[in-house]
Amino acid sequence: MGQASATVSSGCSSSCLPIGQAAQAAGLTRKAVRRYEAKGLLPPAERSAAGYRLYDEADVELLSFIRRARAGPASGGHQPGSHRPQQRKHAVRRSARGTGPAPGRAVLALLMSVKEL
């Protein structure tokens, strides 16, 4: 396999999905899932005895969140012309200046690194 650091799943129930099904459920490609894992946006996947990546429901939810975040405000469900984009822009500026909460800066940095891909 070549994956010496892979974790073999011992507690993965039937609800775990292989990479293709997890990617499809999140609206992504398998390549994107692997890329997010390599970048550290997604924790390392558990592995089956055969070495296949396995993802649970929480992983699929995280992948869906990343997809929506990359898509930007248009996929957020707010109405055009609402004030939410303006508020979001100010929150991003505060986080970038370091005056916002620390988790905001970390999330912003991760999202910016994903957009560069």
N, C-alpha and C. Protein backbone atom coordinates (compact mmCIF):
# COMPACT_ATOMS: atom_id res chain seq x y z
N MET A 1 0.80 -1.20 0.00
CA MET A 1 0.00 0.00 0.00
C MET A 1 0.84 1.26 0.00
N GLY A 2 1.96 1.26 0.75
CA GLY A 2 2.77 2.45 0.83
C GLY A 2 2.28 3.45 1.85
N GLN A 3 1.25 3.12 2.59
CA GLN A 3 0.68 4.00 3.59
C GLN A 3 1.04 3.50 4.98
N ALA A 4 2.26 3.70 5.41
CA ALA A 4 2.73 3.19 6.68
C ALA A 4 2.02 3.84 7.85
N SER A 5 1.56 5.11 7.69
CA SER A 5 0.93 5.81 8.79
C SER A 5 -0.58 5.62 8.81
N ALA A 6 -1.11 4.79 7.95
CA ALA A 6 -2.56 4.59 7.89
C ALA A 6 -3.06 3.88 9.13
N THR A 7 -4.22 4.31 9.60
CA THR A 7 -4.84 3.70 10.75
C THR A 7 -5.84 2.67 10.28
N VAL A 8 -5.69 1.45 10.72
CA VAL A 8 -6.64 0.42 10.35
C VAL A 8 -7.83 0.54 11.28
N SER A 9 -9.00 0.62 10.70
CA SER A 9 -10.21 0.81 11.47
C SER A 9 -10.58 -0.45 12.23
N SER A 10 -10.78 -0.28 13.52
CA SER A 10 -11.23 -1.41 14.31
C SER A 10 -12.64 -1.18 14.81
N GLY A 11 -13.09 0.10 14.86
CA GLY A 11 -14.41 0.39 15.38
C GLY A 11 -15.34 0.99 14.36
N CYS A 12 -15.02 0.88 13.11
CA CYS A 12 -15.85 1.47 12.07
C CYS A 12 -17.04 0.56 11.80
N SER A 13 -18.22 1.11 12.01
CA SER A 13 -19.42 0.30 11.79
C SER A 13 -19.83 0.37 10.33
N SER A 14 -20.98 -0.17 10.04
CA SER A 14 -21.47 -0.20 8.66
C SER A 14 -21.82 1.20 8.16
N SER A 15 -21.83 2.21 9.04
CA SER A 15 -22.18 3.57 8.61
C SER A 15 -21.00 4.29 7.96
N CYS A 16 -19.80 3.70 8.00
CA CYS A 16 -18.64 4.33 7.36
C CYS A 16 -18.72 4.14 5.85
N LEU A 17 -18.25 5.19 5.15
CA LEU A 17 -18.32 5.19 3.70
C LEU A 17 -16.93 5.21 3.10
N PRO A 18 -16.74 4.53 1.97
CA PRO A 18 -15.47 4.67 1.25
C PRO A 18 -15.39 6.06 0.64
N ILE A 19 -14.22 6.45 0.19
CA ILE A 19 -13.98 7.81 -0.26
C ILE A 19 -14.94 8.26 -1.38
N GLY A 20 -15.23 7.42 -2.31
CA GLY A 20 -16.12 7.80 -3.41
C GLY A 20 -17.52 8.14 -2.94
N GLN A 21 -18.07 7.33 -2.05
CA GLN A 21 -19.41 7.59 -1.53
C GLN A 21 -19.44 8.81 -0.62
N ALA A 22 -18.40 8.98 0.19
CA ALA A 22 -18.33 10.15 1.07
C ALA A 22 -18.21 11.42 0.25
N ALA A 23 -17.38 11.39 -0.80
CA ALA A 23 -17.21 12.55 -1.66
C ALA A 23 -18.52 12.90 -2.35
N GLN A 24 -19.22 11.90 -2.85
CA GLN A 24 -20.49 12.14 -3.52
C GLN A 24 -21.52 12.71 -2.55
N ALA A 25 -21.57 12.20 -1.34
CA ALA A 25 -22.52 12.69 -0.33
C ALA A 25 -22.25 14.15 0.03
N ALA A 26 -20.98 14.56 -0.02
CA ALA A 26 -20.60 15.93 0.31
C ALA A 26 -20.61 16.85 -0.91
N GLY A 27 -20.82 16.29 -2.09
CA GLY A 27 -20.83 17.09 -3.31
C GLY A 27 -19.44 17.46 -3.80
N LEU A 28 -18.48 16.58 -3.55
CA LEU A 28 -17.09 16.81 -3.93
C LEU A 28 -16.57 15.67 -4.78
N THR A 29 -15.34 15.81 -5.23
CA THR A 29 -14.66 14.72 -5.93
C THR A 29 -13.75 13.99 -4.95
N ARG A 30 -13.36 12.78 -5.32
CA ARG A 30 -12.41 12.03 -4.48
C ARG A 30 -11.09 12.78 -4.37
N LYS A 31 -10.69 13.40 -5.45
CA LYS A 31 -9.43 14.17 -5.46
C LYS A 31 -9.49 15.31 -4.44
N ALA A 32 -10.62 16.00 -4.37
CA ALA A 32 -10.77 17.11 -3.42
C ALA A 32 -10.70 16.59 -1.98
N VAL A 33 -11.31 15.45 -1.70
CA VAL A 33 -11.27 14.87 -0.36
C VAL A 33 -9.83 14.56 0.02
N ARG A 34 -9.09 13.94 -0.88
CA ARG A 34 -7.68 13.63 -0.60
C ARG A 34 -6.87 14.91 -0.37
N ARG A 35 -7.15 15.93 -1.17
CA ARG A 35 -6.44 17.20 -1.05
C ARG A 35 -6.72 17.85 0.31
N TYR A 36 -7.98 17.85 0.74
CA TYR A 36 -8.33 18.45 2.03
C TYR A 36 -7.68 17.68 3.17
N GLU A 37 -7.59 16.38 3.04
CA GLU A 37 -6.92 15.57 4.06
C GLU A 37 -5.43 15.91 4.10
N ALA A 38 -4.80 16.03 2.93
CA ALA A 38 -3.37 16.35 2.86
C ALA A 38 -3.07 17.74 3.42
N LYS A 39 -4.00 18.69 3.23
CA LYS A 39 -3.82 20.05 3.73
C LYS A 39 -4.12 20.17 5.22
N GLY A 40 -4.71 19.14 5.82
CA GLY A 40 -5.02 19.18 7.24
C GLY A 40 -6.40 19.73 7.56
N LEU A 41 -7.22 19.98 6.54
CA LEU A 41 -8.58 20.45 6.79
C LEU A 41 -9.48 19.33 7.28
N LEU A 42 -9.12 18.12 6.96
CA LEU A 42 -9.86 16.93 7.33
C LEU A 42 -8.90 16.01 8.08
N PRO A 43 -9.32 15.46 9.21
CA PRO A 43 -8.41 14.56 9.92
C PRO A 43 -8.09 13.33 9.06
N PRO A 44 -6.95 12.70 9.30
CA PRO A 44 -6.61 11.50 8.53
C PRO A 44 -7.72 10.45 8.63
N ALA A 45 -8.06 9.89 7.51
CA ALA A 45 -9.16 8.92 7.46
C ALA A 45 -8.75 7.60 8.11
N GLU A 46 -9.74 6.94 8.68
CA GLU A 46 -9.50 5.57 9.13
C GLU A 46 -9.34 4.73 7.87
N ARG A 47 -8.76 3.58 8.02
CA ARG A 47 -8.54 2.70 6.87
C ARG A 47 -9.17 1.34 7.12
N SER A 48 -9.64 0.75 6.06
CA SER A 48 -10.16 -0.62 6.14
C SER A 48 -8.96 -1.57 6.19
N ALA A 49 -9.22 -2.82 6.41
CA ALA A 49 -8.15 -3.81 6.43
C ALA A 49 -7.42 -3.85 5.08
N ALA A 50 -8.14 -3.50 4.02
CA ALA A 50 -7.54 -3.49 2.68
C ALA A 50 -6.84 -2.16 2.37
N GLY A 51 -6.90 -1.20 3.29
CA GLY A 51 -6.22 0.06 3.11
C GLY A 51 -7.06 1.17 2.51
N TYR A 52 -8.35 0.94 2.29
CA TYR A 52 -9.22 1.98 1.73
C TYR A 52 -9.59 3.00 2.79
N ARG A 53 -9.66 4.27 2.39
CA ARG A 53 -10.09 5.33 3.31
C ARG A 53 -11.55 5.12 3.65
N LEU A 54 -11.89 5.35 4.93
CA LEU A 54 -13.26 5.23 5.40
C LEU A 54 -13.65 6.51 6.14
N TYR A 55 -14.85 7.01 5.86
CA TYR A 55 -15.32 8.27 6.43
C TYR A 55 -16.67 8.05 7.12
N ASP A 56 -16.85 8.69 8.28
CA ASP A 56 -18.12 8.59 8.98
C ASP A 56 -18.98 9.83 8.71
N GLU A 57 -20.12 9.90 9.34
CA GLU A 57 -21.07 10.98 9.10
C GLU A 57 -20.46 12.34 9.45
N ALA A 58 -19.69 12.41 10.53
CA ALA A 58 -19.06 13.67 10.92
C ALA A 58 -18.08 14.14 9.86
N ASP A 59 -17.35 13.22 9.26
CA ASP A 59 -16.42 13.58 8.18
C ASP A 59 -17.17 14.15 6.98
N VAL A 60 -18.29 13.52 6.63
CA VAL A 60 -19.09 13.98 5.49
C VAL A 60 -19.65 15.37 5.78
N GLU A 61 -20.09 15.62 7.02
CA GLU A 61 -20.59 16.95 7.38
C GLU A 61 -19.48 17.99 7.27
N LEU A 62 -18.27 17.65 7.72
CA LEU A 62 -17.14 18.56 7.62
C LEU A 62 -16.80 18.84 6.16
N LEU A 63 -16.82 17.82 5.33
CA LEU A 63 -16.55 18.01 3.90
C LEU A 63 -17.61 18.92 3.26
N SER A 64 -18.85 18.74 3.64
CA SER A 64 -19.92 19.59 3.12
C SER A 64 -19.72 21.04 3.55
N PHE A 65 -19.30 21.24 4.81
CA PHE A 65 -19.02 22.58 5.31
C PHE A 65 -17.90 23.23 4.51
N ILE A 66 -16.84 22.50 4.27
CA ILE A 66 -15.71 23.03 3.51
C ILE A 66 -16.16 23.42 2.10
N ARG A 67 -16.97 22.55 1.48
CA ARG A 67 -17.47 22.86 0.13
C ARG A 67 -18.30 24.14 0.13
N ARG A 68 -19.19 24.29 1.11
CA ARG A 68 -20.02 25.50 1.18
C ARG A 68 -19.17 26.74 1.47
N ALA A 69 -18.17 26.59 2.33
CA ALA A 69 -17.30 27.72 2.66
C ALA A 69 -16.49 28.17 1.46
N ARG A 70 -16.02 27.22 0.68
CA ARG A 70 -15.26 27.57 -0.53
C ARG A 70 -16.14 28.24 -1.56
N ALA A 71 -17.41 27.88 -1.60
CA ALA A 71 -18.33 28.44 -2.59
C ALA A 71 -18.63 29.91 -2.30
N GLY A 72 -18.46 30.34 -1.06
CA GLY A 72 -18.66 31.73 -0.70
C GLY A 72 -20.08 32.03 -0.30
N PRO A 73 -20.38 33.32 -0.12
CA PRO A 73 -21.67 33.74 0.40
C PRO A 73 -22.85 33.34 -0.48
N ALA A 74 -22.65 33.18 -1.76
CA ALA A 74 -23.77 32.86 -2.65
C ALA A 74 -24.42 31.54 -2.29
N SER A 75 -23.66 30.61 -1.71
CA SER A 75 -24.24 29.32 -1.35
C SER A 75 -24.74 29.29 0.08
N GLY A 76 -24.63 30.43 0.79
CA GLY A 76 -25.02 30.48 2.19
C GLY A 76 -26.51 30.56 2.43
N GLY A 77 -27.27 30.78 1.40
CA GLY A 77 -28.72 30.78 1.54
C GLY A 77 -29.32 32.14 1.87
N HIS A 78 -28.53 33.21 1.96
CA HIS A 78 -29.12 34.51 2.25
C HIS A 78 -29.62 35.15 0.97
N GLN A 79 -30.52 36.10 1.12
CA GLN A 79 -31.14 36.75 -0.01
C GLN A 79 -30.23 37.82 -0.59
N PRO A 80 -30.23 37.98 -1.91
CA PRO A 80 -29.44 39.05 -2.51
C PRO A 80 -29.87 40.40 -1.95
N GLY A 81 -28.90 41.26 -1.72
CA GLY A 81 -29.21 42.58 -1.19
C GLY A 81 -29.32 42.63 0.31
N SER A 82 -29.21 41.51 0.98
CA SER A 82 -29.30 41.53 2.43
C SER A 82 -28.02 42.11 3.01
N HIS A 83 -28.04 42.41 4.29
CA HIS A 83 -26.89 43.02 4.93
C HIS A 83 -25.86 42.00 5.39
N ARG A 84 -26.16 40.73 5.32
CA ARG A 84 -25.24 39.70 5.82
C ARG A 84 -23.88 39.70 5.12
N PRO A 85 -23.79 39.86 3.79
CA PRO A 85 -22.45 39.88 3.18
C PRO A 85 -21.59 41.02 3.73
N GLN A 86 -22.19 42.17 3.97
CA GLN A 86 -21.45 43.31 4.51
C GLN A 86 -20.95 42.99 5.92
N GLN A 87 -21.79 42.38 6.74
CA GLN A 87 -21.38 42.00 8.09
C GLN A 87 -20.26 40.98 8.03
N ARG A 88 -20.36 40.01 7.12
CA ARG A 88 -19.34 38.99 6.99
C ARG A 88 -18.01 39.63 6.58
N LYS A 89 -18.07 40.61 5.66
CA LYS A 89 -16.85 41.27 5.20
C LYS A 89 -16.17 41.97 6.37
N HIS A 90 -16.94 42.64 7.23
CA HIS A 90 -16.35 43.32 8.38
C HIS A 90 -15.79 42.32 9.38
N ALA A 91 -16.46 41.20 9.57
CA ALA A 91 -15.97 40.18 10.49
C ALA A 91 -14.65 39.61 9.99
N VAL A 92 -14.54 39.41 8.68
CA VAL A 92 -13.29 38.90 8.10
C VAL A 92 -12.18 39.92 8.30
N ARG A 93 -12.49 41.20 8.11
CA ARG A 93 -11.48 42.23 8.33
C ARG A 93 -11.01 42.25 9.78
N ARG A 94 -11.96 42.16 10.73
CA ARG A 94 -11.58 42.14 12.15
C ARG A 94 -10.70 40.94 12.45
N SER A 95 -11.06 39.78 11.90
CA SER A 95 -10.26 38.59 12.14
C SER A 95 -8.87 38.74 11.54
N ALA A 96 -8.78 39.32 10.35
CA ALA A 96 -7.49 39.50 9.70
C ALA A 96 -6.59 40.47 10.46
N ARG A 97 -7.21 41.47 11.12
CA ARG A 97 -6.43 42.43 11.91
C ARG A 97 -6.02 41.85 13.25
N GLY A 98 -6.63 40.74 13.64
CA GLY A 98 -6.30 40.15 14.93
C GLY A 98 -7.17 40.65 16.05
N THR A 99 -8.20 41.43 15.75
CA THR A 99 -9.07 41.94 16.80
C THR A 99 -10.29 41.05 17.01
N GLY A 100 -10.50 40.09 16.12
CA GLY A 100 -11.62 39.16 16.26
C GLY A 100 -11.19 37.98 17.11
N PRO A 101 -12.09 37.06 17.32
CA PRO A 101 -11.75 35.88 18.12
C PRO A 101 -10.71 35.01 17.41
N ALA A 102 -9.87 34.37 18.17
CA ALA A 102 -8.78 33.57 17.62
C ALA A 102 -9.25 32.48 16.67
N PRO A 103 -10.33 31.74 16.97
CA PRO A 103 -10.76 30.71 16.01
C PRO A 103 -11.09 31.28 14.64
N GLY A 104 -11.56 32.52 14.59
CA GLY A 104 -11.89 33.13 13.31
C GLY A 104 -10.65 33.28 12.43
N ARG A 105 -9.53 33.67 13.04
CA ARG A 105 -8.29 33.81 12.28
C ARG A 105 -7.83 32.46 11.74
N ALA A 106 -7.94 31.43 12.57
CA ALA A 106 -7.50 30.10 12.15
C ALA A 106 -8.36 29.58 11.01
N VAL A 107 -9.67 29.74 11.12
CA VAL A 107 -10.58 29.29 10.07
C VAL A 107 -10.34 30.08 8.79
N LEU A 108 -10.15 31.39 8.92
CA LEU A 108 -9.88 32.22 7.75
C LEU A 108 -8.62 31.76 7.03
N ALA A 109 -7.57 31.48 7.79
CA ALA A 109 -6.32 31.02 7.18
C ALA A 109 -6.51 29.70 6.45
N LEU A 110 -7.26 28.78 7.06
CA LEU A 110 -7.51 27.50 6.39
C LEU A 110 -8.31 27.68 5.11
N LEU A 111 -9.34 28.51 5.18
CA LEU A 111 -10.17 28.72 3.99
C LEU A 111 -9.37 29.40 2.89
N MET A 112 -8.50 30.33 3.24
CA MET A 112 -7.69 31.00 2.23
C MET A 112 -6.74 29.99 1.58
N SER A 113 -6.20 29.06 2.36
CA SER A 113 -5.29 28.08 1.77
C SER A 113 -6.05 27.13 0.84
N VAL A 114 -7.31 26.84 1.14
CA VAL A 114 -8.11 25.99 0.27
C VAL A 114 -8.43 26.72 -1.03
N LYS A 115 -8.72 28.00 -0.96
CA LYS A 115 -9.05 28.75 -2.17
C LYS A 115 -7.86 28.82 -3.12
N GLU A 116 -6.64 28.73 -2.57
CA GLU A 116 -5.45 28.76 -3.41
C GLU A 116 -5.27 27.47 -4.20
N LEU A 117 -5.94 26.40 -3.78
CA LEU A 117 -5.79 25.12 -4.48
C LEU A 117 -6.44 25.22 -5.77
